[in-house]
C-alpha atoms as a PDB file:
ATOM      1  CA  MET A   1     -11.156 -60.304  24.172  1.00  0.00           C
ATOM      2  CA  ARG A   2      -9.426 -57.242  22.757  1.00  0.00           C
ATOM      3  CA  ASN A   3     -11.041 -54.827  20.363  1.00  0.00           C
ATOM      4  CA  PRO A   4      -9.202 -55.275  17.037  1.00  0.00           C
ATOM      5  CA  ARG A   5      -9.517 -51.560  16.183  1.00  0.00           C
ATOM      6  CA  VAL A   6      -7.636 -50.343  19.257  1.00  0.00           C
ATOM      7  CA  THR A   7      -3.985 -51.180  19.193  1.00  0.00           C
ATOM      8  CA  ALA A   8      -0.979 -50.025  21.086  1.00  0.00           C
ATOM      9  CA  PRO A   9       1.365 -47.660  19.280  1.00  0.00           C
ATOM     10  CA  ARG A  10       4.016 -49.456  17.311  1.00  0.00           C
ATOM     11  CA  LYS A  11       7.609 -49.072  18.263  1.00  0.00           C
ATOM     12  CA  GLY A  12       9.050 -45.939  16.633  1.00  0.00           C
ATOM     13  CA  ARG A  13       5.677 -44.150  16.394  1.00  0.00           C
ATOM     14  CA  THR A  14       4.382 -41.476  18.733  1.00  0.00           C
ATOM     15  CA  SER A  15       0.831 -41.627  19.995  1.00  0.00           C
ATOM     16  CA  ALA A  16      -1.470 -38.623  19.847  1.00  0.00           C
ATOM     17  CA  ARG A  17      -1.657 -38.690  23.649  1.00  0.00           C
ATOM     18  CA  THR A  18       2.145 -38.375  23.899  1.00  0.00           C
ATOM     19  CA  VAL A  19       2.201 -35.432  21.466  1.00  0.00           C
ATOM     20  CA  LEU A  20      -0.592 -33.679  23.348  1.00  0.00           C
ATOM     21  CA  ALA A  21       1.210 -34.150  26.658  1.00  0.00           C
ATOM     22  CA  PHE A  22       4.432 -32.783  25.180  1.00  0.00           C
ATOM     23  CA  LEU A  23       2.707 -29.683  23.788  1.00  0.00           C
ATOM     24  CA  THR A  24       0.848 -29.072  27.047  1.00  0.00           C
ATOM     25  CA  LEU A  25       4.080 -29.153  29.046  1.00  0.00           C
ATOM     26  CA  THR A  26       6.254 -27.118  26.651  1.00  0.00           C
ATOM     27  CA  ALA A  27       3.823 -24.376  25.587  1.00  0.00           C
ATOM     28  CA  PRO A  28       4.350 -22.267  28.764  1.00  0.00           C
ATOM     29  CA  LEU A  29       8.118 -22.528  28.278  1.00  0.00           C
ATOM     30  CA  ALA A  30       7.938 -21.456  24.621  1.00  0.00           C
ATOM     31  CA  ALA A  31       5.770 -18.363  25.213  1.00  0.00           C
ATOM     32  CA  PRO A  32       8.606 -16.135  26.555  1.00  0.00           C
ATOM     33  CA  LEU A  33      10.856 -17.196  23.660  1.00  0.00           C
ATOM     34  CA  VAL A  34       8.190 -16.330  21.083  1.00  0.00           C
ATOM     35  CA  ALA A  35       7.553 -12.973  22.777  1.00  0.00           C
ATOM     36  CA  ALA A  36      11.282 -12.201  22.827  1.00  0.00           C
ATOM     37  CA  GLY A  37      11.477 -12.954  19.105  1.00  0.00           C
ATOM     38  CA  GLY A  38       8.967 -10.147  18.445  1.00  0.00           C
ATOM     39  CA  ALA A  39      11.580  -7.454  19.073  1.00  0.00           C
ATOM     40  CA  SER A  40      14.785  -6.727  17.219  1.00  0.00           C
ATOM     41  CA  ALA A  41      18.193  -6.491  18.810  1.00  0.00           C
ATOM     42  CA  VAL A  42      17.798  -2.725  19.321  1.00  0.00           C
ATOM     43  CA  GLY A  43      14.368  -3.043  20.912  1.00  0.00           C
ATOM     44  CA  ALA A  44      12.233  -1.797  18.004  1.00  0.00           C
ATOM     45  CA  PRO A  45       9.215  -4.004  17.388  1.00  0.00           C
ATOM     46  CA  ARG A  46       9.246  -6.030  14.181  1.00  0.00           C
ATOM     47  CA  PRO A  47       6.188  -5.816  11.977  1.00  0.00           C
ATOM     48  CA  THR A  48       3.887  -8.761  12.367  1.00  0.00           C
ATOM     49  CA  PRO A  49       3.200 -10.952   9.327  1.00  0.00           C
ATOM     50  CA  PHE A  50      -0.243  -9.314   9.133  1.00  0.00           C
ATOM     51  CA  GLU A  51       1.307  -5.838   9.131  1.00  0.00           C
ATOM     52  CA  ARG A  52       3.728  -6.854   6.359  1.00  0.00           C
ATOM     53  CA  LEU A  53       0.797  -8.283   4.405  1.00  0.00           C
ATOM     54  CA  MET A  54      -1.104  -5.005   4.801  1.00  0.00           C
ATOM     55  CA  GLU A  55       1.849  -2.698   4.066  1.00  0.00           C
ATOM     56  CA  SER A  56       0.882   0.283   1.953  1.00  0.00           C
ATOM     57  CA  ARG A  57       3.587   2.522   0.540  1.00  0.00           C
ATOM     58  CA  LEU A  58       3.304   4.042  -2.922  1.00  0.00           C
ATOM     59  CA  THR A  59       5.808   6.035  -4.962  1.00  0.00           C
ATOM     60  CA  VAL A  60       4.297   8.465  -7.461  1.00  0.00           C
ATOM     61  CA  THR A  61       6.349   9.827 -10.351  1.00  0.00           C
ATOM     62  CA  TYR A  62       4.512  12.750 -11.924  1.00  0.00           C
ATOM     63  CA  ALA A  63       5.291  14.775 -15.049  1.00  0.00           C
ATOM     64  CA  ALA A  64       3.252  17.862 -15.925  1.00  0.00           C
ATOM     65  CA  ALA A  65       4.275  17.608 -19.607  1.00  0.00           C
ATOM     66  CA  PRO A  66       6.379  15.314 -21.818  1.00  0.00           C
ATOM     67  CA  ASP A  67       9.363  17.698 -21.702  1.00  0.00           C
ATOM     68  CA  ALA A  68       8.994  18.449 -17.961  1.00  0.00           C
ATOM     69  CA  ARG A  69      11.331  16.902 -15.419  1.00  0.00           C
ATOM     70  CA  PRO A  70       9.394  14.212 -13.510  1.00  0.00           C
ATOM     71  CA  ARG A  71       8.931  14.694  -9.779  1.00  0.00           C
ATOM     72  CA  THR A  72       8.677  11.836  -7.317  1.00  0.00           C
ATOM     73  CA  TYR A  73       6.887  11.720  -3.993  1.00  0.00           C
ATOM     74  CA  THR A  74       5.976   8.949  -1.582  1.00  0.00           C
ATOM     75  CA  ILE A  75       2.703   8.197   0.133  1.00  0.00           C
ATOM     76  CA  ASP A  76       3.295   5.950   3.131  1.00  0.00           C
ATOM     77  CA  CYS A  77       0.091   4.664   4.686  1.00  0.00           C
ATOM     78  CA  GLY A  78       1.918   2.127   6.845  1.00  0.00           C
ATOM     79  CA  ALA A  79       0.003  -0.983   7.736  1.00  0.00           C
ATOM     80  CA  THR A  80      -3.265   0.178   6.218  1.00  0.00           C
ATOM     81  CA  GLY A  81      -5.519   1.208   9.003  1.00  0.00           C
ATOM     82  CA  THR A  82      -2.965   3.179  10.995  1.00  0.00           C
ATOM     83  CA  LYS A  83      -2.627   6.493   9.139  1.00  0.00           C
ATOM     84  CA  GLU A  84      -5.860   6.868   7.173  1.00  0.00           C
ATOM     85  CA  ALA A  85      -7.418   9.227   9.696  1.00  0.00           C
ATOM     86  CA  THR A  86      -4.584  11.767   9.371  1.00  0.00           C
ATOM     87  CA  ASP A  87      -3.665  11.479   5.702  1.00  0.00           C
ATOM     88  CA  PRO A  88      -6.314  12.423   3.123  1.00  0.00           C
ATOM     89  CA  ALA A  89      -4.510  10.495   0.352  1.00  0.00           C
ATOM     90  CA  CYS A  90      -4.440   7.297   2.442  1.00  0.00           C
ATOM     91  CA  GLU A  91      -8.028   7.812   3.529  1.00  0.00           C
ATOM     92  CA  HIS A  92      -9.076   8.265  -0.110  1.00  0.00           C
ATOM     93  CA  LEU A  93      -7.210   5.116  -1.208  1.00  0.00           C
ATOM     94  CA  VAL A  94      -8.988   3.087   1.476  1.00  0.00           C
ATOM     95  CA  GLU A  95     -12.309   4.579   0.364  1.00  0.00           C
ATOM     96  CA  ILE A  96     -11.820   3.611  -3.305  1.00  0.00           C
ATOM     97  CA  GLY A  97     -10.196   0.232  -2.573  1.00  0.00           C
ATOM     98  CA  GLY A  98      -6.648   1.153  -3.596  1.00  0.00           C
ATOM     99  CA  PRO A  99      -5.062   2.536  -6.745  1.00  0.00           C
ATOM    100  CA  GLU A 100      -7.271   2.513  -9.834  1.00  0.00           C
ATOM    101  CA  ARG A 101      -6.433  -0.362 -12.125  1.00  0.00           C
ATOM    102  CA  ALA A 102      -5.820   0.047 -15.855  1.00  0.00           C
ATOM    103  CA  VAL A 103      -8.697   0.586 -18.271  1.00  0.00           C
ATOM    104  CA  PRO A 104      -9.634  -2.844 -19.679  1.00  0.00           C
ATOM    105  CA  ALA A 105      -8.382  -3.610 -23.188  1.00  0.00           C
ATOM    106  CA  GLY A 106     -11.054  -2.918 -25.784  1.00  0.00           C
ATOM    107  CA  GLN A 107     -12.916  -0.468 -23.533  1.00  0.00           C
ATOM    108  CA  MET A 108     -14.659   2.227 -25.605  1.00  0.00           C
ATOM    109  CA  CYS A 109     -13.654   5.695 -24.404  1.00  0.00           C
ATOM    110  CA  THR A 110     -14.535   9.210 -25.481  1.00  0.00           C
ATOM    111  CA  MET A 111     -11.756  10.927 -27.381  1.00  0.00           C
ATOM    112  CA  ILE A 112     -11.532  13.854 -24.990  1.00  0.00           C
ATOM    113  CA  TYR A 113      -7.942  14.915 -24.359  1.00  0.00           C
ATOM    114  CA  GLY A 114      -7.448  15.968 -20.741  1.00  0.00           C
ATOM    115  CA  GLY A 115      -3.885  17.205 -20.879  1.00  0.00           C
ATOM    116  CA  PRO A 116      -0.251  16.101 -21.132  1.00  0.00           C
ATOM    117  CA  GLN A 117       0.146  15.016 -17.490  1.00  0.00           C
ATOM    118  CA  THR A 118       1.440  11.507 -16.775  1.00  0.00           C
ATOM    119  CA  ALA A 119       2.033   9.590 -13.566  1.00  0.00           C
ATOM    120  CA  HIS A 120       3.519   6.249 -12.677  1.00  0.00           C
ATOM    121  CA  VAL A 121       2.492   4.710  -9.341  1.00  0.00           C
ATOM    122  CA  THR A 122       4.538   1.837  -7.931  1.00  0.00           C
ATOM    123  CA  GLY A 123       4.855   0.114  -4.584  1.00  0.00           C
ATOM    124  CA  LEU A 124       2.590  -1.911  -2.343  1.00  0.00           C
ATOM    125  CA  TRP A 125      -1.054  -1.428  -1.446  1.00  0.00           C
ATOM    126  CA  ARG A 126      -2.258  -3.754   1.319  1.00  0.00           C
ATOM    127  CA  GLY A 127       0.512  -6.152   0.371  1.00  0.00           C
ATOM    128  CA  ARG A 128      -0.428  -6.174  -3.343  1.00  0.00           C
ATOM    129  CA  THR A 129       2.212  -5.007  -5.828  1.00  0.00           C
ATOM    130  CA  VAL A 130       1.158  -1.869  -7.672  1.00  0.00           C
ATOM    131  CA  ASP A 131       2.642  -0.758 -11.012  1.00  0.00           C
ATOM    132  CA  GLU A 132       0.158   1.532 -12.785  1.00  0.00           C
ATOM    133  CA  GLU A 133       0.577   4.196 -15.465  1.00  0.00           C
ATOM    134  CA  TYR A 134      -1.832   7.149 -15.523  1.00  0.00           C
ATOM    135  CA  SER A 135      -2.391   9.716 -18.262  1.00  0.00           C
ATOM    136  CA  ARG A 136      -5.116  12.074 -19.450  1.00  0.00           C
ATOM    137  CA  THR A 137      -5.224  10.977 -23.100  1.00  0.00           C
ATOM    138  CA  ASN A 138      -8.933  10.079 -23.353  1.00  0.00           C
ATOM    139  CA  GLY A 139     -12.175  10.168 -21.361  1.00  0.00           C
ATOM    140  CA  CYS A 140     -11.517   6.853 -19.584  1.00  0.00           C
ATOM    141  CA  GLU A 141      -8.011   7.904 -18.525  1.00  0.00           C
ATOM    142  CA  VAL A 142      -9.176  11.372 -17.426  1.00  0.00           C
ATOM    143  CA  SER A 143     -11.881   9.783 -15.284  1.00  0.00           C
ATOM    144  CA  ARG A 144      -9.401   7.280 -13.852  1.00  0.00           C
ATOM    145  CA  TRP A 145      -6.990  10.143 -13.003  1.00  0.00           C
ATOM    146  CA  GLN A 146      -9.762  12.152 -11.310  1.00  0.00           C
ATOM    147  CA  ARG A 147     -10.672   9.162  -9.123  1.00  0.00           C
ATOM    148  CA  MET A 148      -7.053   9.118  -7.905  1.00  0.00           C
ATOM    149  CA  VAL A 149      -7.037  12.760  -6.711  1.00  0.00           C
ATOM    150  CA  PRO A 150      -5.649  13.549  -4.028  1.00  0.00           C
ATOM    151  CA  VAL A 151      -3.053  10.819  -4.614  1.00  0.00           C
ATOM    152  CA  LEU A 152      -2.345  12.345  -8.039  1.00  0.00           C
ATOM    153  CA  PRO A 153      -2.291  16.100  -8.536  1.00  0.00           C
ATOM    154  CA  ALA A 154      -5.569  17.542  -9.777  1.00  0.00           C
ATOM    155  CA  ALA A 155      -5.196  18.872 -13.321  1.00  0.00           C
ATOM    156  CA  ASN A 156      -6.758  22.218 -12.414  1.00  0.00           C
ATOM    157  CA  GLY A 157      -4.654  22.635  -9.268  1.00  0.00           C
ATOM    158  CA  ALA A 158      -7.607  22.052  -6.933  1.00  0.00           C
ATOM    159  CA  ASN A 159      -7.277  19.132  -4.575  1.00  0.00           C
ATOM    160  CA  GLY A 160     -10.940  18.335  -4.167  1.00  0.00           C
ATOM    161  CA  LEU A 161     -10.664  18.036  -0.388  1.00  0.00           C
ATOM    162  CA  ASN A 162     -11.314  21.606   0.763  1.00  0.00           C
ATOM    163  CA  GLY A 163      -7.753  22.625   1.559  1.00  0.00           C
ATOM    164  CA  ALA A 164      -6.525  19.313   2.995  1.00  0.00           C
ATOM    165  CA  ASN A 165      -2.809  18.562   2.829  1.00  0.00           C
ATOM    166  CA  THR A 166      -2.542  16.259  -0.186  1.00  0.00           C
ATOM    167  CA  ALA A 167       0.043  15.018  -2.627  1.00  0.00           C
ATOM    168  CA  SER A 168      -1.253  17.448  -5.235  1.00  0.00           C
ATOM    169  CA  GLU A 169      -0.757  20.376  -2.886  1.00  0.00           C
ATOM    170  CA  ALA A 170       2.790  19.219  -2.152  1.00  0.00           C
ATOM    171  CA  VAL A 171       3.607  19.060  -5.880  1.00  0.00           C
ATOM    172  CA  ASN A 172       1.948  22.429  -6.550  1.00  0.00           C
ATOM    173  CA  SER A 173       3.682  24.068  -3.568  1.00  0.00           C
ATOM    174  CA  ALA A 174       7.042  22.629  -4.670  1.00  0.00           C
ATOM    175  CA  ASP A 175       6.634  24.526  -7.953  1.00  0.00           C
ATOM    176  CA  ALA A 176       5.809  27.742  -6.125  1.00  0.00           C
ATOM    177  CA  SER A 177       8.637  27.450  -3.564  1.00  0.00           C
ATOM    178  CA  ALA A 178      11.196  26.605  -6.237  1.00  0.00           C
ATOM    179  CA  GLY A 179      10.333  29.674  -8.251  1.00  0.00           C
ATOM    180  CA  GLY A 180       8.621  27.697 -10.965  1.00  0.00           C
ATOM    181  CA  THR A 181      11.401  25.169 -11.493  1.00  0.00           C
ATOM    182  CA  GLU A 182      10.541  21.531 -11.134  1.00  0.00           C
ATOM    183  CA  THR A 183      12.225  19.614  -8.343  1.00  0.00           C
ATOM    184  CA  ASP A 184      12.033  16.172  -6.834  1.00  0.00           C
ATOM    185  CA  THR A 185       9.832  16.274  -3.768  1.00  0.00           C
ATOM    186  CA  THR A 186       9.247  13.697  -1.067  1.00  0.00           C
ATOM    187  CA  VAL A 187       6.120  13.901   1.054  1.00  0.00           C
ATOM    188  CA  ARG A 188       4.668  11.686   3.733  1.00  0.00           C
ATOM    189  CA  SER A 189       7.354   9.292   4.785  1.00  0.00           C
END
């Protein structure tokens, strides 16, 4: 007598055993095709989905005063984990978990004015879209700005990293090399 639970596959359906056999036989043939798909036509490797997910490239637009011409620079940390050791700004961003988010609505802050500087940071951090405004209009915003140094220029001109090459140094040196005129500057690409 046959077991009523075990039946032969119906016509038009594929059994699990047939699918497993197909995959076992075709997997070795598909491996070279998948590997070949990992490179572009010119031979440069394509970023993996994980690398695209972890992409970290930020554009900072900084103005020293409301009437000053804004300057823009880029901080490219690549697939986070590849450039932190050589770039103090990237290393700092990893340390603090990425760009500082906005002060929560309703947060009580001291009314201490830190200066007219403003910055707008856009781009991607570990695959997350970043679009943050920074200012020094009150105690919360001053503190938030300070946590972003060396990504943002330090208000007093110091970079906080004992002479390391930072975005703030690049902005400050652009002023000095341009004879005090403000110019657009690109760093770390």
